[in-house]
Amino acid sequence: MEFILFLTANSKEILDLVRKANYSISENQLLCIVQPKIFGALNSKRKELIMCTKNIKLYGKKTGKLINETLLHEAVHVAQACNQGRPFRIPTRNMKLPPIKYRHLEISYKISGERQKEHEAYWMENKPSKIKHVLNKYCL
C-alpha cells in the first residue's frame, strides 16, 4: 500500500491500533474512483478503512500531510464505531476549527449525515495522542 510510505511515526502507531481493533485497511477502492474528491472513508459494517491515495495525490498539494490527516480522521471514525457508532459527545464549542476545516466539515456532513462525528474527526485529525486514547479506550 502506497500511503504507508507517507506516514509519520504517530500515524504508523495509529494504523497499528486500527489493525488491532480488527479493521482492515484498503487503498484506492471503487468508492475512490466514483467519488474522486473523497480522500478516505470508513465502512464500519465491513470493518474496513479505505484510503484514496490516488485522489490525494491528484489533489497535488501537501500529499504527505493530507495522507496523514486522512488516516487520522478515519481512525477517529473507527473509535466512534467501537463506541457503538456514537460520537464522543465533545461539546462543539470546545472543538474550534480553522475556516477551511469548517468547509470540509459541511461537505462531509452532507455525505454522512453525522455532523457531531465529523466535527470530532476534523478536530482530532491533527491530535494523534487523543486518537490513540480513544482507540485504546473504545476499541482495545
Protein backbone atom coordinates (compact mmCIF):
# COMPACT_ATOMS: atom_id res chain seq x y z
CA MET A 1 0.00 0.00 0.00
CA GLU A 2 1.49 3.24 -1.19
CA PHE A 3 0.04 5.52 1.51
CA ILE A 4 2.21 3.83 4.16
CA LEU A 5 5.29 5.45 2.59
CA PHE A 6 3.99 8.87 3.67
CA LEU A 7 3.10 8.06 7.29
CA THR A 8 4.69 9.72 10.29
CA ALA A 9 5.68 7.66 13.33
CA ASN A 10 2.45 8.68 15.12
CA SER A 11 0.35 7.72 12.12
CA LYS A 12 2.05 4.31 11.94
CA GLU A 13 1.20 3.73 15.61
CA ILE A 14 -2.43 4.68 14.93
CA LEU A 15 -2.54 2.39 11.89
CA ASP A 16 -1.34 -0.45 14.14
CA LEU A 17 -4.12 0.34 16.66
CA VAL A 18 -6.72 0.31 13.88
CA ARG A 19 -5.47 -3.10 12.80
CA LYS A 20 -5.53 -4.35 16.42
CA ALA A 21 -9.18 -3.26 16.51
CA ASN A 22 -9.71 -5.81 13.70
CA TYR A 23 -10.20 -3.27 10.93
CA SER A 24 -8.74 -3.99 7.52
CA ILE A 25 -7.07 -1.25 5.51
CA SER A 26 -7.53 -0.92 1.78
CA GLU A 27 -6.46 1.59 -0.79
CA ASN A 28 -8.00 3.11 -3.93
CA GLN A 29 -11.23 1.12 -3.87
CA LEU A 30 -14.14 1.67 -6.28
CA LEU A 31 -15.56 4.32 -3.96
CA CYS A 32 -12.43 6.40 -4.57
CA ILE A 33 -12.90 6.17 -8.32
CA VAL A 34 -16.60 7.07 -8.40
CA GLN A 35 -16.09 9.90 -5.86
CA PRO A 36 -12.74 11.45 -6.82
CA LYS A 37 -12.99 14.22 -4.19
CA ILE A 38 -13.01 11.70 -1.33
CA PHE A 39 -9.67 11.14 0.39
CA GLY A 40 -10.77 8.37 2.74
CA ALA A 41 -13.77 6.52 4.12
CA LEU A 42 -14.82 4.00 6.72
CA ASN A 43 -17.07 1.06 6.02
CA SER A 44 -17.99 0.17 9.59
CA LYS A 45 -20.15 -2.81 8.56
CA ARG A 46 -17.20 -4.42 6.80
CA LYS A 47 -14.74 -3.03 9.37
CA GLU A 48 -12.69 -1.50 6.57
CA LEU A 49 -10.79 1.77 6.49
CA ILE A 50 -10.31 2.98 2.91
CA MET A 51 -7.53 5.32 1.85
CA CYS A 52 -7.95 7.09 -1.51
CA THR A 53 -4.26 7.74 -2.10
CA LYS A 54 -4.65 8.39 -5.83
CA ASN A 55 -7.24 11.09 -5.13
CA ILE A 56 -4.97 12.72 -2.58
CA LYS A 57 -2.03 12.66 -4.98
CA LEU A 58 -4.18 14.12 -7.78
CA TYR A 59 -5.10 17.00 -5.46
CA GLY A 60 -1.46 17.97 -5.86
CA LYS A 61 -0.84 19.79 -2.60
CA LYS A 62 0.85 18.55 0.55
CA THR A 63 0.38 14.85 -0.23
CA GLY A 64 2.09 13.57 2.91
CA LYS A 65 0.20 15.92 5.22
CA LEU A 66 -3.14 15.02 3.63
CA ILE A 67 -2.48 11.29 3.79
CA ASN A 68 -1.66 11.51 7.50
CA GLU A 69 -4.68 13.73 8.24
CA THR A 70 -6.96 11.39 6.29
CA LEU A 71 -5.74 8.29 8.12
CA LEU A 72 -6.13 10.00 11.48
CA HIS A 73 -9.58 11.35 10.55
CA GLU A 74 -10.77 7.86 9.59
CA ALA A 75 -9.17 6.39 12.71
CA VAL A 76 -11.41 8.69 14.77
CA HIS A 77 -14.38 7.16 12.94
CA VAL A 78 -13.05 3.70 13.85
CA ALA A 79 -13.06 4.69 17.53
CA GLN A 80 -16.58 6.11 17.14
CA ALA A 81 -17.70 2.83 15.56
CA CYS A 82 -16.19 0.97 18.53
CA ASN A 83 -18.22 3.33 20.76
CA GLN A 84 -21.40 1.66 19.47
CA GLY A 85 -21.43 4.01 16.49
CA ARG A 86 -21.78 7.07 18.70
CA PRO A 87 -19.79 10.29 18.82
CA PHE A 88 -17.76 11.04 21.94
CA ARG A 89 -20.03 14.00 22.76
CA ILE A 90 -17.28 16.58 22.97
CA PRO A 91 -19.00 19.98 23.16
CA THR A 92 -18.75 21.69 19.78
CA ARG A 93 -17.71 24.95 21.43
CA ASN A 94 -14.56 23.15 22.63
CA MET A 95 -13.64 21.98 19.12
CA LYS A 96 -12.56 25.10 17.25
CA LEU A 97 -11.60 24.53 13.61
CA PRO A 98 -9.88 26.73 11.05
CA PRO A 99 -12.28 28.10 8.38
CA ILE A 100 -11.17 25.60 5.72
CA LYS A 101 -11.96 22.70 8.06
CA TYR A 102 -15.46 24.09 8.63
CA ARG A 103 -15.97 23.98 4.85
CA HIS A 104 -14.73 20.39 4.76
CA LEU A 105 -17.00 19.58 7.70
CA GLU A 106 -20.04 20.82 5.78
CA ILE A 107 -19.15 18.68 2.76
CA SER A 108 -18.57 15.58 4.91
CA TYR A 109 -21.79 16.21 6.82
CA LYS A 110 -23.77 16.25 3.57
CA ILE A 111 -22.33 12.84 2.71
CA SER A 112 -22.52 11.17 6.13
CA GLY A 113 -25.40 12.98 7.83
CA GLU A 114 -23.36 12.85 11.06
CA ARG A 115 -22.34 16.41 11.99
CA GLN A 116 -21.04 15.65 15.52
CA LYS A 117 -18.98 12.66 14.38
CA GLU A 118 -17.46 14.62 11.52
CA HIS A 119 -16.73 17.61 13.73
CA GLU A 120 -14.90 15.36 16.20
CA ALA A 121 -12.92 13.72 13.39
CA TYR A 122 -11.85 17.04 11.86
CA TRP A 123 -10.91 18.41 15.25
CA MET A 124 -8.89 15.34 16.25
CA GLU A 125 -7.21 14.60 12.90
CA ASN A 126 -4.08 16.51 13.94
CA LYS A 127 -4.10 15.31 17.55
CA PRO A 128 -2.58 11.82 17.46
CA SER A 129 -2.38 11.43 21.24
CA LYS A 130 -6.15 11.98 21.54
CA ILE A 131 -6.79 9.49 18.74
CA LYS A 132 -4.59 6.88 20.41
CA HIS A 133 -6.52 7.47 23.62
CA VAL A 134 -9.97 6.95 22.05
CA LEU A 135 -8.83 3.91 20.07
CA ASN A 136 -7.44 2.33 23.22
CA LYS A 137 -10.49 3.29 25.28
CA TYR A 138 -13.21 2.15 22.91
CA CYS A 139 -11.63 -0.50 20.66
CA LEU A 140 -8.96 -2.36 22.62
